Protein backbone atom coordinates (compact mmCIF):
# COMPACT_ATOMS: atom_id res chain seq x y z
CA MET A 1 86.91 207.21 76.47
CA ARG A 2 83.96 204.80 76.44
CA TYR A 3 83.09 202.99 79.64
CA LEU A 4 81.11 199.83 80.21
CA VAL A 5 79.79 199.75 83.77
CA VAL A 6 78.68 196.28 84.84
CA GLY A 7 76.04 196.70 87.53
CA SER A 8 73.82 199.68 88.36
CA GLY A 9 74.27 199.63 92.13
CA LEU A 10 75.70 202.49 94.12
CA PHE A 11 79.33 201.98 93.07
CA GLY A 12 78.62 201.54 89.36
CA SER A 13 76.11 204.38 89.20
CA THR A 14 78.38 206.79 91.06
CA PHE A 15 81.21 206.00 88.68
CA ALA A 16 78.93 206.35 85.64
CA TYR A 17 77.64 209.71 86.87
CA GLU A 18 81.13 211.08 87.44
CA ALA A 19 82.48 209.71 84.14
CA ALA A 20 79.63 211.30 82.20
CA LYS A 21 80.16 214.60 84.04
CA ARG A 22 83.64 214.57 82.55
CA GLY A 23 82.31 214.10 79.02
CA ASN A 24 82.73 210.33 78.67
CA LYS A 25 80.15 208.03 77.13
CA VAL A 26 78.97 205.29 79.47
CA GLN A 27 77.09 202.07 78.80
CA VAL A 28 75.55 200.58 81.97
CA ILE A 29 74.36 196.98 81.92
CA GLU A 30 72.35 195.39 84.71
CA LYS A 31 71.38 191.71 84.97
CA ARG A 32 68.30 192.41 87.09
CA ASN A 33 65.13 193.91 85.64
CA HIS A 34 65.67 197.18 87.50
CA ILE A 35 68.45 199.60 88.34
CA GLY A 36 69.79 200.32 91.81
CA GLY A 37 71.32 197.05 92.94
CA ASN A 38 70.53 196.17 96.53
CA ILE A 39 69.39 199.69 97.46
CA TYR A 40 66.46 199.43 95.04
CA THR A 41 63.15 200.55 96.53
CA LYS A 42 59.69 200.06 95.04
CA GLU A 43 56.44 201.76 95.99
CA VAL A 44 53.73 199.40 97.25
CA GLU A 45 50.52 200.78 98.79
CA GLY A 46 52.21 204.19 98.97
CA ILE A 47 55.06 202.67 100.96
CA GLN A 48 58.69 202.63 99.81
CA VAL A 49 59.67 198.97 100.14
CA HIS A 50 63.36 198.13 100.56
CA GLU A 51 63.40 195.10 98.27
CA TYR A 52 66.75 193.75 99.46
CA GLY A 53 66.74 194.46 103.17
CA ALA A 54 66.78 197.56 105.33
CA HIS A 55 69.07 200.35 104.13
CA ILE A 56 69.65 203.26 106.48
CA PHE A 57 72.13 205.81 105.20
CA HIS A 58 74.57 206.87 107.89
CA THR A 59 77.98 208.48 107.78
CA SER A 60 80.33 210.78 109.64
CA MET A 61 81.88 212.00 106.37
CA LYS A 62 80.34 215.38 105.61
CA ASP A 63 81.55 215.34 102.03
CA ILE A 64 79.78 212.03 101.38
CA TRP A 65 76.61 213.26 103.12
CA ASP A 66 76.63 216.41 100.99
CA TYR A 67 77.29 214.33 97.89
CA VAL A 68 74.34 211.98 98.31
CA ASN A 69 72.03 214.86 99.25
CA GLN A 70 72.45 216.17 95.69
CA PHE A 71 70.14 213.41 94.53
CA ALA A 72 67.43 213.27 97.22
CA ASP A 73 66.07 214.96 100.29
CA PHE A 74 66.63 212.85 103.39
CA ASN A 75 64.34 212.54 106.38
CA ASN A 76 65.60 212.40 109.97
CA TYR A 77 65.00 208.68 110.53
CA ILE A 78 67.10 207.29 113.39
CA ASN A 79 67.79 203.57 113.36
CA SER A 80 66.51 202.15 116.66
CA PRO A 81 65.96 198.41 116.19
CA ILE A 82 64.55 196.21 118.91
CA ALA A 83 65.21 192.58 119.73
CA ASN A 84 62.55 189.95 120.29
CA TYR A 85 63.86 187.03 122.35
CA ASN A 86 61.06 184.50 122.80
CA GLY A 87 58.57 187.31 123.25
CA GLU A 88 60.78 189.45 125.49
CA ILE A 89 61.51 192.87 123.96
CA TYR A 90 64.90 194.57 124.36
CA ASN A 91 66.39 197.77 122.97
CA LEU A 92 69.38 197.72 120.64
CA PRO A 93 72.20 198.54 120.72
CA PHE A 94 72.86 197.30 124.26
CA ASN A 95 72.18 200.32 126.44
CA MET A 96 70.69 201.29 129.78
CA ASN A 97 67.19 200.44 128.57
CA THR A 98 68.46 196.94 127.72
CA PHE A 99 70.22 196.51 131.06
CA ASN A 100 67.24 197.77 133.03
CA LYS A 101 65.03 195.20 131.32
CA LEU A 102 67.57 192.42 131.92
CA TRP A 103 68.58 193.13 135.51
CA GLY A 104 66.52 196.01 136.88
CA VAL A 105 69.59 198.25 137.15
CA ILE A 106 69.06 201.99 136.91
CA THR A 107 72.45 203.71 136.93
CA PRO A 108 75.43 203.23 134.62
CA GLU A 109 77.55 202.22 137.61
CA GLN A 110 75.11 199.41 138.47
CA ALA A 111 75.13 198.22 134.86
CA ARG A 112 78.93 198.19 134.67
CA GLU A 113 79.15 196.25 137.93
CA LYS A 114 76.63 193.69 136.68
CA ILE A 115 78.47 193.13 133.41
CA GLU A 116 81.82 192.79 135.21
CA GLU A 117 80.27 190.39 137.72
CA GLN A 118 78.92 188.25 134.88
CA LYS A 119 82.21 188.28 132.99
CA ASN A 120 84.22 187.39 136.09
CA SER A 121 81.94 184.44 136.91
CA LEU A 122 83.03 182.70 133.71
CA ASN A 123 86.74 182.45 134.55
CA LEU A 124 87.70 182.99 130.92
CA ASN A 125 91.46 182.85 130.55
CA GLY A 126 93.68 183.70 127.63
CA ILE A 127 92.80 184.82 124.12
CA PRO A 128 89.24 183.94 123.04
CA ARG A 129 89.32 180.89 120.76
CA ASN A 130 86.00 181.51 119.02
CA LEU A 131 83.13 183.95 118.70
CA GLU A 132 81.31 182.63 121.74
CA GLU A 133 84.28 183.16 124.04
CA GLN A 134 84.90 186.58 122.52
CA ALA A 135 81.31 187.71 123.07
CA LEU A 136 81.19 186.32 126.60
CA SER A 137 84.39 188.16 127.46
CA LEU A 138 82.80 191.42 126.29
CA VAL A 139 79.26 191.31 127.68
CA GLY A 140 78.83 188.20 129.84
CA PRO A 141 76.30 185.35 129.54
CA ASP A 142 72.93 187.13 129.87
CA VAL A 143 73.41 189.57 126.99
CA TYR A 144 75.18 186.89 124.93
CA GLU A 145 72.54 184.17 125.35
CA LYS A 146 69.54 186.41 124.76
CA LEU A 147 70.77 188.94 122.23
CA VAL A 148 73.86 187.62 120.42
CA LYS A 149 74.06 183.82 120.18
CA GLY A 150 70.91 182.85 118.29
CA TYR A 151 70.97 185.80 115.92
CA THR A 152 74.64 185.33 115.06
CA GLU A 153 74.33 181.59 114.49
CA LYS A 154 71.41 182.14 112.12
CA GLN A 155 73.28 184.90 110.33
CA TRP A 156 76.37 182.79 109.67
CA GLY A 157 74.82 179.33 109.53
CA LYS A 158 77.32 177.97 112.07
CA LYS A 159 77.58 177.44 115.80
CA ALA A 160 79.16 180.34 117.65
CA THR A 161 81.87 177.99 118.90
CA GLU A 162 82.78 177.27 115.25
CA LEU A 163 83.03 180.93 114.25
CA PRO A 164 86.28 182.90 114.55
CA SER A 165 86.50 185.44 117.33
CA PHE A 166 87.39 188.32 115.00
CA ILE A 167 83.81 188.50 113.70
CA ILE A 168 82.92 190.28 116.95
CA ARG A 169 85.90 192.49 117.68
CA ARG A 170 83.69 194.60 119.89
CA LEU A 171 80.03 194.84 120.83
CA PRO A 172 78.27 198.22 121.08
CA VAL A 173 77.65 198.70 124.81
CA ARG A 174 76.36 202.09 125.89
CA PHE A 175 75.77 203.24 129.41
CA THR A 176 73.14 205.80 128.37
CA TYR A 177 69.41 205.57 127.70
CA ASN A 178 69.99 206.08 123.98
CA ASN A 179 68.47 203.73 121.38
CA ASN A 180 70.22 205.25 118.36
CA TYR A 181 72.03 202.29 116.79
CA PHE A 182 74.64 204.33 114.93
CA ASN A 183 77.21 206.78 116.25
CA ASP A 184 77.47 208.63 112.94
CA ILE A 185 76.76 212.36 112.76
CA TYR A 186 74.52 212.11 109.68
CA GLN A 187 71.69 209.64 109.31
CA GLY A 188 68.44 209.31 107.40
CA ILE A 189 66.51 207.75 104.55
CA PRO A 190 65.71 209.46 101.23
CA ILE A 191 62.14 210.73 101.12
CA GLY A 192 60.58 208.73 98.31
CA GLY A 193 63.10 205.89 98.42
CA TYR A 194 66.56 205.11 97.10
CA THR A 195 65.74 204.33 93.48
CA GLN A 196 65.44 208.04 92.65
CA ILE A 197 69.10 208.51 93.61
CA ILE A 198 70.23 206.00 91.01
CA GLU A 199 67.78 207.38 88.43
CA GLN A 200 69.27 210.84 88.82
CA MET A 201 72.83 209.55 88.69
CA LEU A 202 72.12 207.79 85.41
CA ASP A 203 70.04 210.59 83.88
CA SER A 204 72.48 211.84 81.26
CA GLU A 205 72.59 211.99 77.47
CA LEU A 206 76.01 210.35 77.74
CA ILE A 207 74.73 207.36 79.74
CA ASN A 208 72.80 204.46 78.20
CA VAL A 209 71.28 201.88 80.54
CA GLU A 210 70.18 198.35 79.70
CA THR A 211 68.54 196.02 82.21
CA ASN A 212 68.11 192.23 81.90
CA VAL A 213 71.61 192.03 80.41
CA ASP A 214 74.10 189.56 81.87
CA PHE A 215 77.74 190.49 81.35
CA PHE A 216 78.71 186.83 81.13
CA ASP A 217 76.48 186.20 78.13
CA HIS A 218 78.80 188.46 76.11
CA LYS A 219 81.93 188.55 78.22
CA ASP A 220 84.48 187.92 75.44
CA GLU A 221 82.79 190.44 73.20
CA TYR A 222 82.95 193.11 75.89
CA LEU A 223 86.56 192.34 76.76
CA ASN A 224 87.59 192.58 73.11
CA SER A 225 85.78 195.88 72.59
CA ASP A 226 87.18 199.38 73.03
CA TYR A 227 85.31 199.80 76.31
CA LYS A 228 87.11 200.49 79.56
CA ILE A 229 85.24 198.13 81.87
CA VAL A 230 84.08 198.90 85.41
CA TYR A 231 83.03 195.56 86.86
CA THR A 232 81.05 195.41 90.11
CA GLY A 233 80.15 191.72 90.15
CA MET A 234 81.85 188.82 91.92
CA ILE A 235 85.57 188.88 91.23
CA ASP A 236 85.89 185.10 91.45
CA ARG A 237 83.12 184.59 88.88
CA PHE A 238 84.86 187.01 86.51
CA PHE A 239 87.71 184.49 86.45
CA ASP A 240 85.33 181.51 86.24
CA TYR A 241 86.36 180.51 89.77
CA LYS A 242 89.71 179.31 88.42
CA LEU A 243 91.44 179.75 91.79
CA GLY A 244 88.45 178.50 93.76
CA GLU A 245 85.22 179.97 95.13
CA LEU A 246 85.19 182.86 97.53
CA GLU A 247 82.63 182.37 100.27
CA TYR A 248 79.50 184.48 100.56
CA ARG A 249 76.31 184.51 102.58
CA SER A 250 72.99 184.82 100.82
CA LEU A 251 69.56 186.00 101.94
CA ARG A 252 65.96 185.16 101.18
CA PHE A 253 63.30 187.82 101.53
CA ASP A 254 59.67 186.96 102.20
CA THR A 255 57.56 190.09 101.66
CA GLU A 256 53.82 190.38 102.25
CA ILE A 257 51.13 193.03 102.50
CA LYS A 258 49.19 193.05 105.77
CA ASP A 259 45.69 194.47 106.17
CA VAL A 260 46.64 196.58 109.19
CA ASP A 261 48.09 200.05 109.54
CA ASN A 262 50.83 199.08 111.97
CA TYR A 263 52.09 195.49 112.31
CA GLN A 264 54.98 195.63 114.78
CA GLY A 265 55.44 199.24 115.86
CA ASN A 266 59.03 199.53 114.66
CA ALA A 267 60.91 199.48 111.36
CA VAL A 268 63.28 196.67 112.37
CA VAL A 269 62.71 193.88 114.88
CA ASN A 270 65.53 191.35 115.29
CA TYR A 271 64.60 187.82 116.36
CA THR A 272 67.48 186.70 118.53
CA ASP A 273 66.27 183.27 119.61
CA SER A 274 67.50 180.18 117.78
CA GLN A 275 64.05 178.71 117.03
CA THR A 276 62.71 181.53 114.84
CA PRO A 277 64.08 180.78 111.33
CA TYR A 278 64.42 184.39 110.21
CA THR A 279 66.73 187.01 111.71
CA ARG A 280 64.45 190.01 111.46
CA ILE A 281 61.18 191.50 110.27
CA ILE A 282 61.24 194.85 108.51
CA GLU A 283 58.10 197.00 108.44
CA HIS A 284 58.86 199.44 105.66
CA LYS A 285 56.37 202.23 106.35
CA HIS A 286 58.14 203.10 109.62
CA PHE A 287 61.20 204.22 107.62
CA GLU A 288 59.05 207.17 106.52
CA PHE A 289 57.11 207.60 109.76
CA GLY A 290 53.93 205.81 108.69
CA LYS A 291 53.52 207.33 105.24
CA GLY A 292 51.36 205.27 102.89
CA ASN A 293 48.04 203.46 102.91
CA LYS A 294 46.59 203.71 106.42
CA ASN A 295 44.81 200.36 106.01
CA LYS A 296 47.87 198.44 104.77
CA THR A 297 51.45 197.77 105.72
CA VAL A 298 54.28 195.83 104.09
CA ILE A 299 56.59 193.54 106.04
CA THR A 300 59.62 191.51 105.00
CA ARG A 301 61.06 188.52 106.82
CA GLU A 302 64.78 188.04 106.25
CA TYR A 303 66.24 184.53 106.13
CA PRO A 304 70.04 184.13 105.96
CA GLN A 305 71.18 181.14 103.98
CA ALA A 306 74.21 179.45 102.52
CA TRP A 307 75.35 180.75 99.14
CA HIS A 308 75.52 178.57 96.04
CA ARG A 309 76.42 179.63 92.52
CA SER A 310 72.78 180.08 91.51
CA ASP A 311 72.10 182.37 94.51
CA GLU A 312 72.54 186.08 94.97
CA PRO A 313 75.63 186.88 97.08
CA TYR A 314 74.85 189.50 99.71
CA TYR A 315 77.95 189.75 101.85
CA PRO A 316 81.45 188.28 101.82
CA VAL A 317 82.81 186.00 104.50
CA ASN A 318 85.97 187.93 105.29
CA ASP A 319 87.89 185.29 107.19
CA LYS A 320 91.61 184.65 106.72
CA LYS A 321 91.17 181.93 104.09
CA ASN A 322 88.88 184.03 101.91
CA LYS A 323 91.00 187.15 102.26
CA GLU A 324 94.03 185.22 101.03
CA LEU A 325 92.08 183.88 98.06
CA TYR A 326 90.80 187.36 97.23
CA LYS A 327 94.38 188.67 97.22
CA GLN A 328 95.23 186.03 94.62
CA TYR A 329 92.31 187.11 92.44
CA LEU A 330 93.30 190.76 92.89
CA SER A 331 96.82 189.97 91.74
CA LEU A 332 95.42 188.08 88.74
CA SER A 333 93.18 191.00 87.83
CA ARG A 334 96.14 193.39 87.82
CA SER A 335 98.33 191.14 85.73
CA ASP A 336 95.75 189.80 83.24
CA PHE A 337 93.16 192.59 83.06
CA PRO A 338 94.80 195.91 83.91
CA ASN A 339 92.12 197.70 81.88
CA VAL A 340 89.26 196.35 84.04
CA LEU A 341 88.38 198.29 87.18
CA PHE A 342 86.96 196.02 89.89
CA GLY A 343 84.76 197.84 92.37
CA GLY A 344 82.02 197.58 94.93
CA ARG A 345 81.17 195.02 97.57
CA LEU A 346 81.59 192.01 95.27
CA GLY A 347 84.34 193.29 93.01
CA GLN A 348 86.49 194.25 96.00
CA TYR A 349 85.19 191.48 98.31
CA ARG A 350 84.43 193.81 101.20
CA TYR A 351 81.43 194.54 103.36
CA TYR A 352 80.71 198.17 102.51
CA ASN A 353 78.16 200.49 104.05
CA MET A 354 76.57 202.83 101.53
CA ASP A 355 78.78 205.77 102.42
CA GLN A 356 81.87 203.59 102.04
CA THR A 357 80.64 202.42 98.63
CA ILE A 358 80.29 206.00 97.42
CA MET A 359 83.68 206.93 98.88
CA SER A 360 85.31 203.95 97.16
CA ALA A 361 83.69 204.86 93.84
CA LEU A 362 84.84 208.48 94.10
CA GLN A 363 88.37 207.32 94.90
CA ALA A 364 88.28 205.15 91.77
CA VAL A 365 87.06 208.15 89.77
CA HIS A 366 89.92 210.31 91.01
CA ARG A 367 92.47 207.61 90.19
CA GLU A 368 90.95 207.02 86.76
CA PHE A 369 90.91 210.64 85.75
CA GLY A 370 94.18 211.61 87.41
CA GLU A 371 92.70 214.07 89.88
């Protein structure tokens, strides 16, 4: 079998690696000028820069952790972001450090009582009608106003009262002095960046990789070839949006080199007020504990924005309307293109973490090869 893998991100590269391991020839095409998709990292001033936003690998699936550790050694980085609200600094996720800063409480019991007191003062009745009511019912007004509202509205480009409640099904509230953002057992960042993982996955005599190649420039030719196609792009674009556009959110990254060793003291600082136009600043050298040029640092400001067809889609808007439209495209793919495998965040219209992307790719491999 010959496979054409469209996209060299984590899903496509995992599939290509596994297909080649089984003796199949694989052609990988990538529209960008580099491999790796959104996990691509590039060395600048001795610092591994996450070109498309912060990527912290975390999982509770031991098999996935063991799998990815084939390709890189991981450090013991723990994601502990902080929030900057108009110059006030708070720990994330919401924990006893956060509550002590907000209210001066010291014990978990005091924090619980304060949250319940705040929630009860609102007299919220019935099922929350929007994100604002949902968040208020979970954490009360202080946490919501300072740490949720502004950030969320910037992220989605809409008022919290216009967003559906299901976006925030729960909020991570911890009654411990623990700043670890994730609950997963395994967590870290590859020493030397993520690009090496993709390079190793694609390092096979049976795999040929071409960058700066857009699938849609030769779509008919590919579809009429003897390739089995693994497509990891936008499923609605594959069908030329014939059923309508799925909705995505896009991002703009503003990266600069600073002539200081340490700009903000943390890898990730979220800006939760509504006036600051970006949602967060990433200082990349902190992902590897300060490694790199001691006189330089690299920071990236992250600006959420509306998606248009000329923009890069970063995450799907999984509301009811878009899910229904995706189901229609999925049905169309099965009826009209049964020989095309749609995968990844865009091909399956899902927000995947990295471990979920690998798991999904391995499931596709097992289905494809009857294992």
